[in-house]
Amino acid sequence: MKETSITRLSVKDAEYYAYHGVKPEEKKLGGKYQVDLDLYYDAKNAFVNDDVGDALNYEEALYCVSEVINGDSYDLIETIANEILNAILEKFTQLDKATVRVRKMGAPIQQVVRYVEVEQTMTRRKI
């Protein structure tokens, strides 16, 4: 029987200032966003060899997030999450699964809320 393991690499509360939203003033004035990543992959070679070259580079993953969140302007945080996952799964072929949470801090709505959050997960299809 072949043994398998999966490692979860998490990044929490990465902060960005970006220009997304349905309201014109959100796209003009911008707002604060936070992003969490949970990246699942077989890290056996990384920890057996203790080699960063075999590991998933979380700095590069955050670069993917930055490219999306500071790139095109989107109306929905759901779209931001989806674009982040697509970019990360394209960049890191060793990923089996990835989850992203995007929080819009202090969303400009009538109620007082700390944030509005969307979470999305993508799993790579095995062929």
C-alpha atoms as a PDB file:
ATOM      1  CA  MET A   1       0.000   0.000   0.000  1.00  0.00           C
ATOM      2  CA  LYS A   2       1.376   3.408  -0.998  1.00  0.00           C
ATOM      3  CA  GLU A   3       1.467   5.972   1.781  1.00  0.00           C
ATOM      4  CA  THR A   4       0.391   9.491   0.981  1.00  0.00           C
ATOM      5  CA  SER A   5       0.352  12.638   3.020  1.00  0.00           C
ATOM      6  CA  ILE A   6      -0.947  16.108   2.460  1.00  0.00           C
ATOM      7  CA  THR A   7       0.346  19.283   4.037  1.00  0.00           C
ATOM      8  CA  ARG A   8      -1.691  22.423   4.555  1.00  0.00           C
ATOM      9  CA  LEU A   9       0.287  25.639   4.209  1.00  0.00           C
ATOM     10  CA  SER A  10      -1.734  28.601   5.498  1.00  0.00           C
ATOM     11  CA  VAL A  11      -1.271  32.341   5.144  1.00  0.00           C
ATOM     12  CA  LYS A  12      -3.550  34.488   7.314  1.00  0.00           C
ATOM     13  CA  ASP A  13      -4.627  38.116   7.140  1.00  0.00           C
ATOM     14  CA  ALA A  14      -2.602  39.343   4.162  1.00  0.00           C
ATOM     15  CA  GLU A  15      -3.720  42.970   3.812  1.00  0.00           C
ATOM     16  CA  TYR A  16      -4.328  44.968   0.664  1.00  0.00           C
ATOM     17  CA  TYR A  17      -5.844  48.290  -0.294  1.00  0.00           C
ATOM     18  CA  ALA A  18      -7.772  47.864  -3.529  1.00  0.00           C
ATOM     19  CA  TYR A  19     -10.528  49.305  -5.694  1.00  0.00           C
ATOM     20  CA  HIS A  20     -13.401  46.834  -5.981  1.00  0.00           C
ATOM     21  CA  GLY A  21     -17.132  47.053  -5.406  1.00  0.00           C
ATOM     22  CA  VAL A  22     -20.501  47.690  -6.931  1.00  0.00           C
ATOM     23  CA  LYS A  23     -20.722  51.324  -5.838  1.00  0.00           C
ATOM     24  CA  PRO A  24     -18.781  53.891  -7.910  1.00  0.00           C
ATOM     25  CA  GLU A  25     -17.211  55.422  -4.782  1.00  0.00           C
ATOM     26  CA  GLU A  26     -15.741  52.015  -3.836  1.00  0.00           C
ATOM     27  CA  LYS A  27     -13.965  51.830  -7.173  1.00  0.00           C
ATOM     28  CA  LYS A  28     -12.788  55.432  -6.826  1.00  0.00           C
ATOM     29  CA  LEU A  29     -11.826  55.612  -3.131  1.00  0.00           C
ATOM     30  CA  GLY A  30     -10.921  51.956  -2.561  1.00  0.00           C
ATOM     31  CA  GLY A  31     -10.997  49.967   0.623  1.00  0.00           C
ATOM     32  CA  LYS A  32      -9.124  47.542   2.824  1.00  0.00           C
ATOM     33  CA  TYR A  33      -9.160  43.804   2.082  1.00  0.00           C
ATOM     34  CA  GLN A  34      -7.722  40.778   3.840  1.00  0.00           C
ATOM     35  CA  VAL A  35      -6.938  37.432   2.234  1.00  0.00           C
ATOM     36  CA  ASP A  36      -6.302  33.998   3.766  1.00  0.00           C
ATOM     37  CA  LEU A  37      -4.891  31.071   1.819  1.00  0.00           C
ATOM     38  CA  ASP A  38      -4.948  27.372   2.664  1.00  0.00           C
ATOM     39  CA  LEU A  39      -2.775  25.478   0.192  1.00  0.00           C
ATOM     40  CA  TYR A  40      -2.750  21.677   0.249  1.00  0.00           C
ATOM     41  CA  TYR A  41       0.052  19.657  -1.347  1.00  0.00           C
ATOM     42  CA  ASP A  42       2.339  16.683  -0.809  1.00  0.00           C
ATOM     43  CA  ALA A  43       5.313  18.292   0.963  1.00  0.00           C
ATOM     44  CA  LYS A  44       7.185  15.045   1.618  1.00  0.00           C
ATOM     45  CA  ASN A  45      10.160  15.957  -0.594  1.00  0.00           C
ATOM     46  CA  ALA A  46      10.360  19.389   1.040  1.00  0.00           C
ATOM     47  CA  PHE A  47      10.581  18.128   4.596  1.00  0.00           C
ATOM     48  CA  VAL A  48      12.649  15.018   3.831  1.00  0.00           C
ATOM     49  CA  ASN A  49      15.222  17.123   1.957  1.00  0.00           C
ATOM     50  CA  ASP A  50      14.656  20.260   4.079  1.00  0.00           C
ATOM     51  CA  ASP A  51      14.833  22.151   0.790  1.00  0.00           C
ATOM     52  CA  VAL A  52      12.844  25.256  -0.045  1.00  0.00           C
ATOM     53  CA  GLY A  53      13.110  24.293  -3.713  1.00  0.00           C
ATOM     54  CA  ASP A  54      10.812  21.344  -3.020  1.00  0.00           C
ATOM     55  CA  ALA A  55       8.339  23.421  -1.004  1.00  0.00           C
ATOM     56  CA  LEU A  56       5.488  25.610  -2.126  1.00  0.00           C
ATOM     57  CA  ASN A  57       6.767  29.189  -2.056  1.00  0.00           C
ATOM     58  CA  TYR A  58       4.202  31.196  -0.092  1.00  0.00           C
ATOM     59  CA  GLU A  59       5.821  34.482  -1.100  1.00  0.00           C
ATOM     60  CA  GLU A  60       5.095  33.619  -4.740  1.00  0.00           C
ATOM     61  CA  ALA A  61       1.540  32.648  -3.748  1.00  0.00           C
ATOM     62  CA  LEU A  62       1.083  36.091  -2.179  1.00  0.00           C
ATOM     63  CA  TYR A  63       2.448  37.652  -5.354  1.00  0.00           C
ATOM     64  CA  CYS A  64      -0.384  35.884  -7.251  1.00  0.00           C
ATOM     65  CA  VAL A  65      -2.886  37.331  -4.770  1.00  0.00           C
ATOM     66  CA  SER A  66      -1.400  40.801  -5.178  1.00  0.00           C
ATOM     67  CA  GLU A  67      -1.535  40.592  -8.982  1.00  0.00           C
ATOM     68  CA  VAL A  68      -5.252  39.773  -8.847  1.00  0.00           C
ATOM     69  CA  ILE A  69      -6.370  42.112  -6.081  1.00  0.00           C
ATOM     70  CA  ASN A  70      -4.360  45.059  -7.413  1.00  0.00           C
ATOM     71  CA  GLY A  71      -5.162  44.315 -11.056  1.00  0.00           C
ATOM     72  CA  ASP A  72      -8.569  44.568 -12.684  1.00  0.00           C
ATOM     73  CA  SER A  73     -11.434  46.041 -10.667  1.00  0.00           C
ATOM     74  CA  TYR A  74     -14.280  43.639  -9.869  1.00  0.00           C
ATOM     75  CA  ASP A  75     -17.764  44.205  -8.504  1.00  0.00           C
ATOM     76  CA  LEU A  76     -17.859  41.056  -6.370  1.00  0.00           C
ATOM     77  CA  ILE A  77     -15.501  39.585  -3.791  1.00  0.00           C
ATOM     78  CA  GLU A  78     -16.630  36.208  -5.127  1.00  0.00           C
ATOM     79  CA  THR A  79     -14.956  37.099  -8.425  1.00  0.00           C
ATOM     80  CA  ILE A  80     -11.771  38.154  -6.637  1.00  0.00           C
ATOM     81  CA  ALA A  81     -11.642  34.815  -4.792  1.00  0.00           C
ATOM     82  CA  ASN A  82     -12.206  32.853  -7.991  1.00  0.00           C
ATOM     83  CA  GLU A  83      -9.497  34.756  -9.868  1.00  0.00           C
ATOM     84  CA  ILE A  84      -7.021  34.248  -7.008  1.00  0.00           C
ATOM     85  CA  LEU A  85      -7.655  30.494  -6.987  1.00  0.00           C
ATOM     86  CA  ASN A  86      -7.290  30.235 -10.751  1.00  0.00           C
ATOM     87  CA  ALA A  87      -3.966  32.112 -10.640  1.00  0.00           C
ATOM     88  CA  ILE A  88      -2.601  30.012  -7.772  1.00  0.00           C
ATOM     89  CA  LEU A  89      -3.621  26.667  -9.262  1.00  0.00           C
ATOM     90  CA  GLU A  90      -2.085  27.703 -12.585  1.00  0.00           C
ATOM     91  CA  LYS A  91       1.181  28.773 -10.907  1.00  0.00           C
ATOM     92  CA  PHE A  92       1.601  25.794  -8.572  1.00  0.00           C
ATOM     93  CA  THR A  93       1.082  22.492 -10.343  1.00  0.00           C
ATOM     94  CA  GLN A  94       1.881  20.549  -7.151  1.00  0.00           C
ATOM     95  CA  LEU A  95      -1.258  21.869  -5.419  1.00  0.00           C
ATOM     96  CA  ASP A  96      -4.014  19.345  -4.807  1.00  0.00           C
ATOM     97  CA  LYS A  97      -6.456  21.800  -3.270  1.00  0.00           C
ATOM     98  CA  ALA A  98      -6.602  25.483  -2.379  1.00  0.00           C
ATOM     99  CA  THR A  99      -8.981  27.545  -0.297  1.00  0.00           C
ATOM    100  CA  VAL A 100      -9.102  31.334  -0.277  1.00  0.00           C
ATOM    101  CA  ARG A 101     -10.997  33.678   1.997  1.00  0.00           C
ATOM    102  CA  VAL A 102     -11.399  37.295   0.896  1.00  0.00           C
ATOM    103  CA  ARG A 103     -12.612  39.814   3.455  1.00  0.00           C
ATOM    104  CA  LYS A 104     -13.850  43.276   2.593  1.00  0.00           C
ATOM    105  CA  MET A 105     -13.205  45.282   5.733  1.00  0.00           C
ATOM    106  CA  GLY A 106     -15.821  47.838   6.762  1.00  0.00           C
ATOM    107  CA  ALA A 107     -18.046  47.264   3.744  1.00  0.00           C
ATOM    108  CA  PRO A 108     -20.055  50.428   2.984  1.00  0.00           C
ATOM    109  CA  ILE A 109     -23.486  49.116   3.924  1.00  0.00           C
ATOM    110  CA  GLN A 110     -26.188  50.386   6.248  1.00  0.00           C
ATOM    111  CA  GLN A 111     -25.326  47.927   9.037  1.00  0.00           C
ATOM    112  CA  VAL A 112     -22.138  48.161  11.038  1.00  0.00           C
ATOM    113  CA  VAL A 113     -20.020  45.091  10.270  1.00  0.00           C
ATOM    114  CA  ARG A 114     -16.348  44.351  10.776  1.00  0.00           C
ATOM    115  CA  TYR A 115     -16.113  42.634   7.407  1.00  0.00           C
ATOM    116  CA  VAL A 116     -17.889  40.659   4.725  1.00  0.00           C
ATOM    117  CA  GLU A 117     -16.141  37.439   3.739  1.00  0.00           C
ATOM    118  CA  VAL A 118     -16.319  34.928   0.924  1.00  0.00           C
ATOM    119  CA  GLU A 119     -14.620  31.529   0.987  1.00  0.00           C
ATOM    120  CA  GLN A 120     -14.012  29.376  -2.057  1.00  0.00           C
ATOM    121  CA  THR A 121     -12.195  26.086  -2.538  1.00  0.00           C
ATOM    122  CA  MET A 122     -10.880  24.488  -5.716  1.00  0.00           C
ATOM    123  CA  THR A 123      -9.581  20.956  -6.044  1.00  0.00           C
ATOM    124  CA  ARG A 124      -7.378  19.864  -8.884  1.00  0.00           C
ATOM    125  CA  ARG A 125      -8.838  17.049 -10.970  1.00  0.00           C
ATOM    126  CA  LYS A 126      -6.678  13.983 -11.082  1.00  0.00           C
ATOM    127  CA  ILE A 127      -6.443  12.339 -14.496  1.00  0.00           C
END
